[in-house]
Every structure is written in structure tokens, then in C-alpha cells.
């Protein structure tokens, strides 16, 4: 038996459909520099974290035009009675709920 659904409406199912393997995706890879984080000096761990934060900001900045266009499209759709539908679980699902609130 498997539990599927939101926290409010859990349904029991016998559907054993496995979650697709996503281990090949870059977002699911371990960061080689953090493999020994437990024995890394605190200052080095903080520097690693700051470097990764900087890289994330740079990656978003590189997509500034596409992000701007997406916001324009969504904003226009909402103004004309359209909807924005989030699909996700975990952090992305919680962020959708936060936006809706």
C-alpha cells in the first residue's frame, strides 16, 4: 500500500509506480567540494556556502531576460482573469502555498 495525495486527503493505493530516476540531473548531484563537509574547517565550509550562493545568483542573473518575460506573461494572464498553477512537492510545493497566501 502507498500513501498518495495532499496532507489533508491521503488515499491508499496499490499502485506501485516508482518515482522516475532523477539521479542524472545536475540538481540531484552531490557537490564534490562538500563530500567531507563534516571534517571541513568551519571557515572553509562558510566560504564554500558563500561561493555556491554567489554561483546561484549568477545563474539567475544569466536568465534575467527569460525570467522577466515569464513574469510579464503570468502578470498579464492574472490581470485578465487567468490562473497560475504550481506543480510541485517539497520546497516548491510549500512556496506555491506561501505565494497563494
PDB file of N, CA and C in Angstrom:
ATOM      1  N   UNK A   1       0.839  -1.179   0.000  1.00  0.00           N
ATOM      2  CA  UNK A   1       0.000   0.000   0.000  1.00  0.00           C
ATOM      3  C   UNK A   1       0.886   1.245   0.000  1.00  0.00           C
ATOM      4  N   UNK A   2       0.424   2.272  -0.685  1.00  0.00           N
ATOM      5  CA  UNK A   2       1.156   3.512  -0.800  1.00  0.00           C
ATOM      6  C   UNK A   2       0.247   4.665  -0.442  1.00  0.00           C
ATOM      7  N   UNK A   3       0.815   5.688   0.161  1.00  0.00           N
ATOM      8  CA  UNK A   3       0.049   6.884   0.501  1.00  0.00           C
ATOM      9  C   UNK A   3       0.293   7.904  -0.606  1.00  0.00           C
ATOM     10  N   UNK A   4      -0.773   8.428  -1.153  1.00  0.00           N
ATOM     11  CA  UNK A   4      -0.660   9.442  -2.199  1.00  0.00           C
ATOM     12  C   UNK A   4      -1.624  10.573  -1.894  1.00  0.00           C
ATOM     13  N   UNK A   5      -1.261  11.795  -2.258  1.00  0.00           N
ATOM     14  CA  UNK A   5      -2.167  12.928  -2.113  1.00  0.00           C
ATOM     15  C   UNK A   5      -1.620  13.969  -1.170  1.00  0.00           C
ATOM     16  N   UNK A   6      -2.430  14.985  -0.933  1.00  0.00           N
ATOM     17  CA  UNK A   6      -2.026  16.061  -0.043  1.00  0.00           C
ATOM     18  C   UNK A   6      -2.143  15.592   1.394  1.00  0.00           C
ATOM     19  N   UNK A   7      -1.644  16.406   2.318  1.00  0.00           N
ATOM     20  CA  UNK A   7      -1.717  16.049   3.731  1.00  0.00           C
ATOM     21  C   UNK A   7      -3.157  15.928   4.215  1.00  0.00           C
ATOM     22  N   UNK A   8      -4.064  16.625   3.599  1.00  0.00           N
ATOM     23  CA  UNK A   8      -5.463  16.596   4.026  1.00  0.00           C
ATOM     24  C   UNK A   8      -6.239  15.434   3.414  1.00  0.00           C
ATOM     25  N   UNK A   9      -5.825  14.985   2.268  1.00  0.00           N
ATOM     26  CA  UNK A   9      -6.573  13.939   1.577  1.00  0.00           C
ATOM     27  C   UNK A   9      -5.638  12.826   1.137  1.00  0.00           C
ATOM     28  N   UNK A  10      -5.177  12.030   2.088  1.00  0.00           N
ATOM     29  CA  UNK A  10      -4.321  10.905   1.751  1.00  0.00           C
ATOM     30  C   UNK A  10      -5.180   9.739   1.309  1.00  0.00           C
ATOM     31  N   UNK A  11      -4.785   9.105   0.251  1.00  0.00           N
ATOM     32  CA  UNK A  11      -5.519   7.956  -0.257  1.00  0.00           C
ATOM     33  C   UNK A  11      -4.588   6.766  -0.283  1.00  0.00           C
ATOM     34  N   UNK A  12      -5.117   5.624   0.060  1.00  0.00           N
ATOM     35  CA  UNK A  12      -4.345   4.397  -0.019  1.00  0.00           C
ATOM     36  C   UNK A  12      -4.493   3.854  -1.429  1.00  0.00           C
ATOM     37  N   UNK A  13      -3.400   3.410  -1.991  1.00  0.00           N
ATOM     38  CA  UNK A  13      -3.440   2.850  -3.328  1.00  0.00           C
ATOM     39  C   UNK A  13      -2.492   1.666  -3.404  1.00  0.00           C
ATOM     40  N   UNK A  14      -2.767   0.791  -4.301  1.00  0.00           N
ATOM     41  CA  UNK A  14      -1.872  -0.334  -4.518  1.00  0.00           C
ATOM     42  C   UNK A  14      -0.980  -0.096  -5.730  1.00  0.00           C
ATOM     43  N   UNK A  15      -1.042   1.111  -6.274  1.00  0.00           N
ATOM     44  CA  UNK A  15      -0.243   1.471  -7.443  1.00  0.00           C
ATOM     45  C   UNK A  15       1.224   1.617  -7.029  1.00  0.00           C
ATOM     46  N   UNK A  16       2.068   0.685  -7.418  1.00  0.00           N
ATOM     47  CA  UNK A  16       3.479   0.751  -7.016  1.00  0.00           C
ATOM     48  C   UNK A  16       4.349   1.505  -8.009  1.00  0.00           C
ATOM     49  N   UNK A  17       3.761   2.413  -8.787  1.00  0.00           N
ATOM     50  CA  UNK A  17       4.528   3.140  -9.794  1.00  0.00           C
ATOM     51  C   UNK A  17       5.717   3.827  -9.123  1.00  0.00           C
ATOM     52  N   UNK A  18       6.910   3.476  -9.525  1.00  0.00           N
ATOM     53  CA  UNK A  18       8.081   4.074  -8.881  1.00  0.00           C
ATOM     54  C   UNK A  18       8.284   5.518  -9.328  1.00  0.00           C
ATOM     55  N   UNK A  19       8.917   6.280  -8.487  1.00  0.00           N
ATOM     56  CA  UNK A  19       9.286   7.638  -8.847  1.00  0.00           C
ATOM     57  C   UNK A  19      10.369   7.546  -9.911  1.00  0.00           C
ATOM     58  N   UNK A  20      10.253   8.331 -10.985  1.00  0.00           N
ATOM     59  CA  UNK A  20      11.274   8.269 -12.036  1.00  0.00           C
ATOM     60  C   UNK A  20      12.665   8.575 -11.472  1.00  0.00           C
ATOM     61  N   UNK A  21      13.656   7.896 -11.985  1.00  0.00           N
ATOM     62  CA  UNK A  21      15.036   8.119 -11.560  1.00  0.00           C
ATOM     63  C   UNK A  21      15.491   9.496 -12.039  1.00  0.00           C
ATOM     64  N   UNK A  22      15.871  10.323 -11.109  1.00  0.00           N
ATOM     65  CA  UNK A  22      16.327  11.671 -11.455  1.00  0.00           C
ATOM     66  C   UNK A  22      17.788  11.878 -11.058  1.00  0.00           C
ATOM     67  N   UNK A  23      18.463  10.800 -10.739  1.00  0.00           N
ATOM     68  CA  UNK A  23      19.833  10.908 -10.243  1.00  0.00           C
ATOM     69  C   UNK A  23      20.799  11.506 -11.268  1.00  0.00           C
ATOM     70  N   UNK A  24      20.431  11.517 -12.538  1.00  0.00           N
ATOM     71  CA  UNK A  24      21.288  12.076 -13.579  1.00  0.00           C
ATOM     72  C   UNK A  24      21.197  13.598 -13.672  1.00  0.00           C
ATOM     73  N   UNK A  25      20.189  14.192 -13.048  1.00  0.00           N
ATOM     74  CA  UNK A  25      20.001  15.638 -13.134  1.00  0.00           C
ATOM     75  C   UNK A  25      21.048  16.375 -12.304  1.00  0.00           C
ATOM     76  N   UNK A  26      21.511  17.484 -12.819  1.00  0.00           N
ATOM     77  CA  UNK A  26      22.523  18.274 -12.126  1.00  0.00           C
ATOM     78  C   UNK A  26      22.057  18.667 -10.722  1.00  0.00           C
ATOM     79  N   UNK A  27      20.774  19.009 -10.587  1.00  0.00           N
ATOM     80  CA  UNK A  27      20.259  19.440  -9.287  1.00  0.00           C
ATOM     81  C   UNK A  27      20.251  18.319  -8.255  1.00  0.00           C
ATOM     82  N   UNK A  28      20.408  17.077  -8.687  1.00  0.00           N
ATOM     83  CA  UNK A  28      20.387  15.944  -7.768  1.00  0.00           C
ATOM     84  C   UNK A  28      21.783  15.390  -7.489  1.00  0.00           C
ATOM     85  N   UNK A  29      22.795  16.036  -8.027  1.00  0.00           N
ATOM     86  CA  UNK A  29      24.171  15.564  -7.848  1.00  0.00           C
ATOM     87  C   UNK A  29      24.770  16.100  -6.553  1.00  0.00           C
ATOM     88  N   UNK A  30      25.662  15.329  -5.992  1.00  0.00           N
ATOM     89  CA  UNK A  30      26.405  15.795  -4.823  1.00  0.00           C
ATOM     90  C   UNK A  30      27.479  16.765  -5.288  1.00  0.00           C
ATOM     91  N   UNK A  31      27.708  17.781  -4.520  1.00  0.00           N
ATOM     92  CA  UNK A  31      28.759  18.751  -4.809  1.00  0.00           C
ATOM     93  C   UNK A  31      30.081  18.145  -4.336  1.00  0.00           C
ATOM     94  N   UNK A  32      31.001  17.862  -5.252  1.00  0.00           N
ATOM     95  CA  UNK A  32      32.247  17.208  -4.848  1.00  0.00           C
ATOM     96  C   UNK A  32      32.975  17.931  -3.711  1.00  0.00           C
ATOM     97  N   UNK A  33      32.937  19.251  -3.737  1.00  0.00           N
ATOM     98  CA  UNK A  33      33.636  20.024  -2.706  1.00  0.00           C
ATOM     99  C   UNK A  33      33.045  19.840  -1.306  1.00  0.00           C
ATOM    100  N   UNK A  34      31.821  19.327  -1.224  1.00  0.00           N
ATOM    101  CA  UNK A  34      31.177  19.187   0.084  1.00  0.00           C
ATOM    102  C   UNK A  34      31.184  17.743   0.595  1.00  0.00           C
ATOM    103  N   UNK A  35      31.880  16.853  -0.081  1.00  0.00           N
ATOM    104  CA  UNK A  35      31.867  15.444   0.297  1.00  0.00           C
ATOM    105  C   UNK A  35      32.429  15.195   1.700  1.00  0.00           C
ATOM    106  N   UNK A  36      33.308  16.052   2.163  1.00  0.00           N
ATOM    107  CA  UNK A  36      33.886  15.877   3.509  1.00  0.00           C
ATOM    108  C   UNK A  36      33.544  17.073   4.392  1.00  0.00           C
ATOM    109  N   UNK A  37      32.331  17.554   4.235  1.00  0.00           N
ATOM    110  CA  UNK A  37      31.891  18.737   4.968  1.00  0.00           C
ATOM    111  C   UNK A  37      31.986  18.538   6.480  1.00  0.00           C
ATOM    112  N   UNK A  38      31.768  17.310   6.934  1.00  0.00           N
ATOM    113  CA  UNK A  38      31.802  17.030   8.372  1.00  0.00           C
ATOM    114  C   UNK A  38      33.185  17.206   8.993  1.00  0.00           C
ATOM    115  N   UNK A  39      34.221  17.189   8.186  1.00  0.00           N
ATOM    116  CA  UNK A  39      35.576  17.365   8.723  1.00  0.00           C
ATOM    117  C   UNK A  39      36.252  18.610   8.149  1.00  0.00           C
ATOM    118  N   UNK A  40      35.466  19.431   7.466  1.00  0.00           N
ATOM    119  CA  UNK A  40      35.981  20.670   6.886  1.00  0.00           C
ATOM    120  C   UNK A  40      36.015  21.752   7.951  1.00  0.00           C
ATOM    121  N   UNK A  41      37.056  22.580   7.920  1.00  0.00           N
ATOM    122  CA  UNK A  41      37.137  23.709   8.851  1.00  0.00           C
ATOM    123  C   UNK A  41      35.907  24.593   8.658  1.00  0.00           C
ATOM    124  N   UNK A  42      35.392  25.137   9.732  1.00  0.00           N
ATOM    125  CA  UNK A  42      34.171  25.947   9.677  1.00  0.00           C
ATOM    126  C   UNK A  42      34.328  27.107   8.698  1.00  0.00           C
ATOM    127  N   UNK A  43      35.444  27.805   8.742  1.00  0.00           N
ATOM    128  CA  UNK A  43      35.647  28.941   7.829  1.00  0.00           C
ATOM    129  C   UNK A  43      35.613  28.476   6.378  1.00  0.00           C
ATOM    130  N   UNK A  44      36.199  27.311   6.098  1.00  0.00           N
ATOM    131  CA  UNK A  44      36.175  26.782   4.731  1.00  0.00           C
ATOM    132  C   UNK A  44      34.758  26.387   4.324  1.00  0.00           C
ATOM    133  N   UNK A  45      33.999  25.831   5.244  1.00  0.00           N
ATOM    134  CA  UNK A  45      32.608  25.457   4.955  1.00  0.00           C
ATOM    135  C   UNK A  45      31.775  26.697   4.662  1.00  0.00           C
ATOM    136  N   UNK A  46      31.991  27.754   5.424  1.00  0.00           N
ATOM    137  CA  UNK A  46      31.267  29.008   5.180  1.00  0.00           C
ATOM    138  C   UNK A  46      31.661  29.579   3.818  1.00  0.00           C
ATOM    139  N   UNK A  47      32.948  29.542   3.491  1.00  0.00           N
ATOM    140  CA  UNK A  47      33.395  30.031   2.176  1.00  0.00           C
ATOM    141  C   UNK A  47      32.771  29.225   1.048  1.00  0.00           C
ATOM    142  N   UNK A  48      32.678  27.904   1.224  1.00  0.00           N
ATOM    143  CA  UNK A  48      32.044  27.054   0.222  1.00  0.00           C
ATOM    144  C   UNK A  48      30.578  27.445   0.048  1.00  0.00           C
ATOM    145  N   UNK A  49      29.885  27.648   1.164  1.00  0.00           N
ATOM    146  CA  UNK A  49      28.476  28.039   1.105  1.00  0.00           C
ATOM    147  C   UNK A  49      28.321  29.384   0.394  1.00  0.00           C
ATOM    148  N   UNK A  50      29.148  30.339   0.719  1.00  0.00           N
ATOM    149  CA  UNK A  50      29.067  31.655   0.088  1.00  0.00           C
ATOM    150  C   UNK A  50      29.374  31.579  -1.406  1.00  0.00           C
ATOM    151  N   UNK A  51      30.342  30.743  -1.779  1.00  0.00           N
ATOM    152  CA  UNK A  51      30.669  30.572  -3.189  1.00  0.00           C
ATOM    153  C   UNK A  51      29.490  29.972  -3.954  1.00  0.00           C
ATOM    154  N   UNK A  52      28.837  28.993  -3.365  1.00  0.00           N
ATOM    155  CA  UNK A  52      27.685  28.374  -4.026  1.00  0.00           C
ATOM    156  C   UNK A  52      26.521  29.357  -4.112  1.00  0.00           C
ATOM    157  N   UNK A  53      26.319  30.168  -3.079  1.00  0.00           N
ATOM    158  CA  UNK A  53      25.276  31.198  -3.127  1.00  0.00           C
ATOM    159  C   UNK A  53      25.558  32.186  -4.264  1.00  0.00           C
ATOM    160  N   UNK A  54      26.828  32.587  -4.404  1.00  0.00           N
ATOM    161  CA  UNK A  54      27.208  33.522  -5.470  1.00  0.00           C
ATOM    162  C   UNK A  54      26.935  32.908  -6.842  1.00  0.00           C
ATOM    163  N   UNK A  55      27.273  31.629  -6.992  1.00  0.00           N
ATOM    164  CA  UNK A  55      27.044  30.945  -8.267  1.00  0.00           C
ATOM    165  C   UNK A  55      25.553  30.872  -8.594  1.00  0.00           C
ATOM    166  N   UNK A  56      24.734  30.675  -7.570  1.00  0.00           N
ATOM    167  CA  UNK A  56      23.285  30.619  -7.794  1.00  0.00           C
ATOM    168  C   UNK A  56      22.766  31.973  -8.267  1.00  0.00           C
ATOM    169  N   UNK A  57      23.220  33.043  -7.635  1.00  0.00           N
ATOM    170  CA  UNK A  57      22.806  34.391  -8.038  1.00  0.00           C
ATOM    171  C   UNK A  57      23.254  34.675  -9.472  1.00  0.00           C
ATOM    172  N   UNK A  58      24.469  34.270  -9.825  1.00  0.00           N
ATOM    173  CA  UNK A  58      24.962  34.479 -11.183  1.00  0.00           C
ATOM    174  C   UNK A  58      24.126  33.692 -12.203  1.00  0.00           C
ATOM    175  N   UNK A  59      23.725  32.483 -11.842  1.00  0.00           N
ATOM    176  CA  UNK A  59      22.915  31.658 -12.752  1.00  0.00           C
ATOM    177  C   UNK A  59      21.554  32.298 -12.986  1.00  0.00           C
ATOM    178  N   UNK A  60      20.961  32.834 -11.937  1.00  0.00           N
ATOM    179  CA  UNK A  60      19.666  33.512 -12.088  1.00  0.00           C
ATOM    180  C   UNK A  60      19.848  34.783 -12.922  1.00  0.00           C
ATOM    181  N   UNK A  61      20.901  35.534 -12.650  1.00  0.00           N
ATOM    182  CA  UNK A  61      21.156  36.768 -13.404  1.00  0.00           C
ATOM    183  C   UNK A  61      21.333  36.475 -14.890  1.00  0.00           C
ATOM    184  N   UNK A  62      21.930  35.341 -15.210  1.00  0.00           N
ATOM    185  CA  UNK A  62      22.133  34.986 -16.620  1.00  0.00           C
ATOM    186  C   UNK A  62      20.809  34.724 -17.334  1.00  0.00           C
ATOM    187  N   UNK A  63      19.764  34.456 -16.573  1.00  0.00           N
ATOM    188  CA  UNK A  63      18.442  34.183 -17.160  1.00  0.00           C
ATOM    189  C   UNK A  63      17.474  35.350 -16.950  1.00  0.00           C
ATOM    190  N   UNK A  64      18.018  36.524 -16.679  1.00  0.00           N
ATOM    191  CA  UNK A  64      17.207  37.702 -16.369  1.00  0.00           C
ATOM    192  C   UNK A  64      16.140  37.987 -17.422  1.00  0.00           C
ATOM    193  N   UNK A  65      16.492  37.920 -18.692  1.00  0.00           N
ATOM    194  CA  UNK A  65      15.507  38.216 -19.743  1.00  0.00           C
ATOM    195  C   UNK A  65      14.378  37.192 -19.753  1.00  0.00           C
ATOM    196  N   UNK A  66      14.703  35.924 -19.628  1.00  0.00           N
ATOM    197  CA  UNK A  66      13.670  34.880 -19.638  1.00  0.00           C
ATOM    198  C   UNK A  66      12.779  34.992 -18.404  1.00  0.00           C
ATOM    199  N   UNK A  67      13.370  35.305 -17.266  1.00  0.00           N
ATOM    200  CA  UNK A  67      12.593  35.457 -16.032  1.00  0.00           C
ATOM    201  C   UNK A  67      11.661  36.661 -16.145  1.00  0.00           C
ATOM    202  N   UNK A  68      12.190  37.764 -16.670  1.00  0.00           N
ATOM    203  CA  UNK A  68      11.378  38.959 -16.870  1.00  0.00           C
ATOM    204  C   UNK A  68      10.188  38.653 -17.775  1.00  0.00           C
ATOM    205  N   UNK A  69      10.441  37.956 -18.867  1.00  0.00           N
ATOM    206  CA  UNK A  69       9.360  37.619 -19.810  1.00  0.00           C
ATOM    207  C   UNK A  69       8.331  36.708 -19.156  1.00  0.00           C
ATOM    208  N   UNK A  70       8.772  35.742 -18.390  1.00  0.00           N
ATOM    209  CA  UNK A  70       7.839  34.841 -17.701  1.00  0.00           C
ATOM    210  C   UNK A  70       6.954  35.620 -16.736  1.00  0.00           C
ATOM    211  N   UNK A  71       7.537  36.560 -16.006  1.00  0.00           N
ATOM    212  CA  UNK A  71       6.762  37.378 -15.070  1.00  0.00           C
ATOM    213  C   UNK A  71       5.744  38.227 -15.825  1.00  0.00           C
ATOM    214  N   UNK A  72       6.153  38.792 -16.952  1.00  0.00           N
ATOM    215  CA  UNK A  72       5.229  39.596 -17.767  1.00  0.00           C
ATOM    216  C   UNK A  72       4.056  38.751 -18.246  1.00  0.00           C
ATOM    217  N   UNK A  73       4.335  37.533 -18.700  1.00  0.00           N
ATOM    218  CA  UNK A  73       3.277  36.650 -19.202  1.00  0.00           C
ATOM    219  C   UNK A  73       2.307  36.270 -18.089  1.00  0.00           C
ATOM    220  N   UNK A  74       2.849  35.882 -16.934  1.00  0.00           N
ATOM    221  CA  UNK A  74       1.999  35.488 -15.809  1.00  0.00           C
ATOM    222  C   UNK A  74       1.188  36.677 -15.311  1.00  0.00           C
ATOM    223  N   UNK A  75       1.839  37.828 -15.189  1.00  0.00           N
ATOM    224  CA  UNK A  75       1.150  39.026 -14.715  1.00  0.00           C
ATOM    225  C   UNK A  75      -0.009  39.395 -15.640  1.00  0.00           C
ATOM    226  N   UNK A  76       0.231  39.342 -16.928  1.00  0.00           N
ATOM    227  CA  UNK A  76      -0.810  39.645 -17.906  1.00  0.00           C
ATOM    228  C   UNK A  76      -1.966  38.649 -17.795  1.00  0.00           C
ATOM    229  N   UNK A  77      -1.633  37.385 -17.669  1.00  0.00           N
ATOM    230  CA  UNK A  77      -2.671  36.351 -17.550  1.00  0.00           C
ATOM    231  C   UNK A  77      -3.503  36.560 -16.286  1.00  0.00           C
ATOM    232  N   UNK A  78      -2.856  36.868 -15.168  1.00  0.00           N
ATOM    233  CA  UNK A  78      -3.593  37.088 -13.919  1.00  0.00           C
ATOM    234  C   UNK A  78      -4.506  38.307 -14.019  1.00  0.00           C
ATOM    235  N   UNK A  79      -4.018  39.364 -14.652  1.00  0.00           N
ATOM    236  CA  UNK A  79      -4.826  40.577 -14.800  1.00  0.00           C
ATOM    237  C   UNK A  79      -6.059  40.342 -15.661  1.00  0.00           C
ATOM    238  N   UNK A  80      -5.990  39.385 -16.568  1.00  0.00           N
ATOM    239  CA  UNK A  80      -7.134  39.122 -17.441  1.00  0.00           C
ATOM    240  C   UNK A  80      -7.960  37.915 -16.964  1.00  0.00           C
ATOM    241  N   UNK A  81      -7.809  37.582 -15.690  1.00  0.00           N
ATOM    242  CA  UNK A  81      -8.625  36.513 -15.107  1.00  0.00           C
ATOM    243  C   UNK A  81      -8.030  35.121 -15.202  1.00  0.00           C
ATOM    244  N   UNK A  82      -6.813  35.012 -15.699  1.00  0.00           N
ATOM    245  CA  UNK A  82      -6.163  33.708 -15.798  1.00  0.00           C
ATOM    246  C   UNK A  82      -5.658  33.224 -14.444  1.00  0.00           C
ATOM    247  N   UNK A  83      -5.083  32.054 -14.461  1.00  0.00           N
ATOM    248  CA  UNK A  83      -4.568  31.457 -13.236  1.00  0.00           C
ATOM    249  C   UNK A  83      -3.114  31.049 -13.411  1.00  0.00           C
ATOM    250  N   UNK A  84      -2.416  30.988 -12.298  1.00  0.00           N
ATOM    251  CA  UNK A  84      -1.064  30.453 -12.247  1.00  0.00           C
ATOM    252  C   UNK A  84      -1.165  29.163 -11.449  1.00  0.00           C
ATOM    253  N   UNK A  85      -0.785  28.065 -12.045  1.00  0.00           N
ATOM    254  CA  UNK A  85      -0.899  26.771 -11.382  1.00  0.00           C
ATOM    255  C   UNK A  85       0.497  26.251 -11.088  1.00  0.00           C
ATOM    256  N   UNK A  86       0.757  26.007  -9.824  1.00  0.00           N
ATOM    257  CA  UNK A  86       2.028  25.435  -9.401  1.00  0.00           C
ATOM    258  C   UNK A  86       1.902  23.917  -9.375  1.00  0.00           C
ATOM    259  N   UNK A  87       2.940  23.244  -9.787  1.00  0.00           N
ATOM    260  CA  UNK A  87       3.003  21.796  -9.670  1.00  0.00           C
ATOM    261  C   UNK A  87       4.311  21.493  -8.968  1.00  0.00           C
ATOM    262  N   UNK A  88       4.221  20.872  -7.820  1.00  0.00           N
ATOM    263  CA  UNK A  88       5.453  20.564  -7.123  1.00  0.00           C
ATOM    264  C   UNK A  88       5.196  19.964  -5.761  1.00  0.00           C
ATOM    265  N   UNK A  89       6.238  19.523  -5.176  1.00  0.00           N
ATOM    266  CA  UNK A  89       6.191  18.957  -3.836  1.00  0.00           C
ATOM    267  C   UNK A  89       7.404  19.493  -3.087  1.00  0.00           C
ATOM    268  N   UNK A  90       7.478  19.185  -1.833  1.00  0.00           N
ATOM    269  CA  UNK A  90       8.626  19.658  -1.067  1.00  0.00           C
ATOM    270  C   UNK A  90       8.655  21.170  -1.024  1.00  0.00           C
ATOM    271  N   UNK A  91       9.845  21.729  -1.181  1.00  0.00           N
ATOM    272  CA  UNK A  91      10.003  23.177  -1.089  1.00  0.00           C
ATOM    273  C   UNK A  91       9.181  23.897  -2.149  1.00  0.00           C
ATOM    274  N   UNK A  92       9.184  23.428  -3.387  1.00  0.00           N
ATOM    275  CA  UNK A  92       8.432  24.121  -4.434  1.00  0.00           C
ATOM    276  C   UNK A  92       6.939  24.129  -4.131  1.00  0.00           C
ATOM    277  N   UNK A  93       6.425  23.041  -3.569  1.00  0.00           N
ATOM    278  CA  UNK A  93       5.016  22.993  -3.189  1.00  0.00           C
ATOM    279  C   UNK A  93       4.702  23.969  -2.072  1.00  0.00           C
ATOM    280  N   UNK A  94       5.581  24.037  -1.088  1.00  0.00           N
ATOM    281  CA  UNK A  94       5.370  24.973   0.030  1.00  0.00           C
ATOM    282  C   UNK A  94       5.459  26.417  -0.430  1.00  0.00           C
ATOM    283  N   UNK A  95       6.357  26.706  -1.374  1.00  0.00           N
ATOM    284  CA  UNK A  95       6.460  28.072  -1.888  1.00  0.00           C
ATOM    285  C   UNK A  95       5.213  28.468  -2.649  1.00  0.00           C
ATOM    286  N   UNK A  96       4.597  27.524  -3.348  1.00  0.00           N
ATOM    287  CA  UNK A  96       3.328  27.802  -4.023  1.00  0.00           C
ATOM    288  C   UNK A  96       2.235  28.153  -3.041  1.00  0.00           C
ATOM    289  N   UNK A  97       2.174  27.415  -1.937  1.00  0.00           N
ATOM    290  CA  UNK A  97       1.183  27.696  -0.887  1.00  0.00           C
ATOM    291  C   UNK A  97       1.476  29.065  -0.272  1.00  0.00           C
ATOM    292  N   UNK A  98       2.735  29.372  -0.033  1.00  0.00           N
ATOM    293  CA  UNK A  98       3.108  30.663   0.518  1.00  0.00           C
ATOM    294  C   UNK A  98       2.699  31.800  -0.413  1.00  0.00           C
ATOM    295  N   UNK A  99       2.942  31.645  -1.704  1.00  0.00           N
ATOM    296  CA  UNK A  99       2.532  32.662  -2.677  1.00  0.00           C
ATOM    297  C   UNK A  99       1.008  32.845  -2.680  1.00  0.00           C
ATOM    298  N   UNK A 100       0.295  31.743  -2.576  1.00  0.00           N
ATOM    299  CA  UNK A 100      -1.181  31.823  -2.594  1.00  0.00           C
ATOM    300  C   UNK A 100      -1.705  32.558  -1.367  1.00  0.00           C
ATOM    301  N   UNK A 101      -1.004  32.422  -0.260  1.00  0.00           N
ATOM    302  CA  UNK A 101      -1.456  33.082   0.966  1.00  0.00           C
ATOM    303  C   UNK A 101      -1.245  34.581   0.838  1.00  0.00           C
TER     304      UNK A 101
END
